[in-house]
Every structure is written in structure tokens, then in C-alpha cells.
Amino acid sequence: MSAPRRRFATDQKAAILKRYLVDKVPISDLCDEYGIKPNQIYTWQKILFDHAELMEENVRTKKLGRQS
């Protein structure tokens, strides 16, 4: 029997990614602490980077709207 699937909120994912990318906490430590596999962190990282362009575009659009 497998363990129930865990769900992480967006802010939890961001905090884990920040610890990995900014604070340089080793992936193995994060995986042990949160009970997840490295692939999960890499998937969240890919999603973050894939959407970074959209976030930048959104910020630019908001800045242009304020200047009008």
C-alpha cells in the first residue's frame, strides 16, 4: 500500500525552491526534510523557469499601464 499523495501549496513550493536556489541547501537535505524525491524539486524549478518570461511580461504590462 502506498502513502497518501502529499500536496504542497504554491508558497511552500516557492520556499523550498528558494532554499535550494538562493540559500544553496543541498537537494538531498531538502528531500529528506520534506519527504520528497529530487525529481519533484526539479519539476517545480522547470515550471518556475518556464513561467518566468510570462511574469516579466506581466510586470512590464503593469508598469506601462501605470504610466498612462
C-alpha atoms as a PDB file:
ATOM      1  CA  MET A   1       0.000   0.000   0.000  1.00  0.00           C
ATOM      2  CA  SER A   2       1.407   3.397  -0.952  1.00  0.00           C
ATOM      3  CA  ALA A   3       1.447   6.515   1.200  1.00  0.00           C
ATOM      4  CA  PRO A   4      -1.182   9.166   0.528  1.00  0.00           C
ATOM      5  CA  ARG A   5      -0.159  11.778  -2.008  1.00  0.00           C
ATOM      6  CA  ARG A   6       1.138  14.990  -0.457  1.00  0.00           C
ATOM      7  CA  ARG A   7       0.243  18.377  -1.880  1.00  0.00           C
ATOM      8  CA  PHE A   8       2.346  21.474  -1.420  1.00  0.00           C
ATOM      9  CA  ALA A   9       0.840  24.951  -1.677  1.00  0.00           C
ATOM     10  CA  THR A  10       2.457  27.401  -4.080  1.00  0.00           C
ATOM     11  CA  ASP A  11       4.078  29.341  -1.245  1.00  0.00           C
ATOM     12  CA  GLN A  12       5.550  26.115   0.162  1.00  0.00           C
ATOM     13  CA  LYS A  13       6.999  25.198  -3.238  1.00  0.00           C
ATOM     14  CA  ALA A  14       8.468  28.701  -3.561  1.00  0.00           C
ATOM     15  CA  ALA A  15      10.046  28.470  -0.112  1.00  0.00           C
ATOM     16  CA  ILE A  16      11.613  25.085  -0.909  1.00  0.00           C
ATOM     17  CA  LEU A  17      12.921  26.357  -4.264  1.00  0.00           C
ATOM     18  CA  LYS A  18      14.331  29.465  -2.582  1.00  0.00           C
ATOM     19  CA  ARG A  19      16.206  27.320  -0.091  1.00  0.00           C
ATOM     20  CA  TYR A  20      17.626  25.276  -2.978  1.00  0.00           C
ATOM     21  CA  LEU A  21      18.413  28.089  -5.432  1.00  0.00           C
ATOM     22  CA  VAL A  22      19.274  31.018  -3.147  1.00  0.00           C
ATOM     23  CA  ASP A  23      20.316  29.523   0.175  1.00  0.00           C
ATOM     24  CA  LYS A  24      22.161  26.651  -1.576  1.00  0.00           C
ATOM     25  CA  VAL A  25      20.665  23.937   0.648  1.00  0.00           C
ATOM     26  CA  PRO A  26      21.558  20.570  -0.937  1.00  0.00           C
ATOM     27  CA  ILE A  27      18.696  18.815  -2.684  1.00  0.00           C
ATOM     28  CA  SER A  28      19.318  15.685  -0.640  1.00  0.00           C
ATOM     29  CA  ASP A  29      18.757  17.643   2.580  1.00  0.00           C
ATOM     30  CA  LEU A  30      15.514  19.147   1.282  1.00  0.00           C
ATOM     31  CA  CYS A  31      14.271  15.763   0.097  1.00  0.00           C
ATOM     32  CA  ASP A  32      14.959  14.211   3.483  1.00  0.00           C
ATOM     33  CA  GLU A  33      13.316  17.111   5.313  1.00  0.00           C
ATOM     34  CA  TYR A  34      10.143  17.191   3.207  1.00  0.00           C
ATOM     35  CA  GLY A  35       9.912  13.527   2.263  1.00  0.00           C
ATOM     36  CA  ILE A  36      10.013  14.167  -1.481  1.00  0.00           C
ATOM     37  CA  LYS A  37      12.121  12.952  -4.379  1.00  0.00           C
ATOM     38  CA  PRO A  38      14.653  15.170  -6.186  1.00  0.00           C
ATOM     39  CA  ASN A  39      12.601  14.932  -9.371  1.00  0.00           C
ATOM     40  CA  GLN A  40       9.790  16.862  -7.678  1.00  0.00           C
ATOM     41  CA  ILE A  41      12.065  19.822  -6.917  1.00  0.00           C
ATOM     42  CA  TYR A  42      13.463  19.772 -10.447  1.00  0.00           C
ATOM     43  CA  THR A  43       9.912  19.757 -11.842  1.00  0.00           C
ATOM     44  CA  TRP A  44       8.957  22.793  -9.729  1.00  0.00           C
ATOM     45  CA  GLN A  45      12.142  24.528 -10.868  1.00  0.00           C
ATOM     46  CA  LYS A  46      11.322  23.857 -14.529  1.00  0.00           C
ATOM     47  CA  ILE A  47       7.812  25.240 -14.074  1.00  0.00           C
ATOM     48  CA  LEU A  48       9.225  28.341 -12.381  1.00  0.00           C
ATOM     49  CA  PHE A  49      11.711  29.000 -15.178  1.00  0.00           C
ATOM     50  CA  ASP A  50       9.175  28.217 -17.908  1.00  0.00           C
ATOM     51  CA  HIS A  51       6.843  30.859 -16.455  1.00  0.00           C
ATOM     52  CA  ALA A  52       9.488  33.479 -15.667  1.00  0.00           C
ATOM     53  CA  GLU A  53       9.033  35.085 -19.092  1.00  0.00           C
ATOM     54  CA  LEU A  54       5.287  35.410 -18.526  1.00  0.00           C
ATOM     55  CA  MET A  55       5.870  37.018 -15.135  1.00  0.00           C
ATOM     56  CA  GLU A  56       8.310  39.526 -16.653  1.00  0.00           C
ATOM     57  CA  GLU A  57       5.813  40.353 -19.379  1.00  0.00           C
ATOM     58  CA  ASN A  58       3.076  40.838 -16.771  1.00  0.00           C
ATOM     59  CA  VAL A  59       5.273  43.219 -14.752  1.00  0.00           C
ATOM     60  CA  ARG A  60       6.122  45.220 -17.885  1.00  0.00           C
ATOM     61  CA  THR A  61       2.428  45.488 -18.820  1.00  0.00           C
ATOM     62  CA  LYS A  62       1.504  46.704 -15.336  1.00  0.00           C
ATOM     63  CA  LYS A  63       4.276  49.336 -15.400  1.00  0.00           C
ATOM     64  CA  LEU A  64       3.107  50.624 -18.769  1.00  0.00           C
ATOM     65  CA  GLY A  65      -0.469  50.803 -17.519  1.00  0.00           C
ATOM     66  CA  ARG A  66       0.563  52.939 -14.540  1.00  0.00           C
ATOM     67  CA  GLN A  67       2.464  55.428 -16.699  1.00  0.00           C
ATOM     68  CA  SER A  68      -0.561  56.209 -18.895  1.00  0.00           C
END
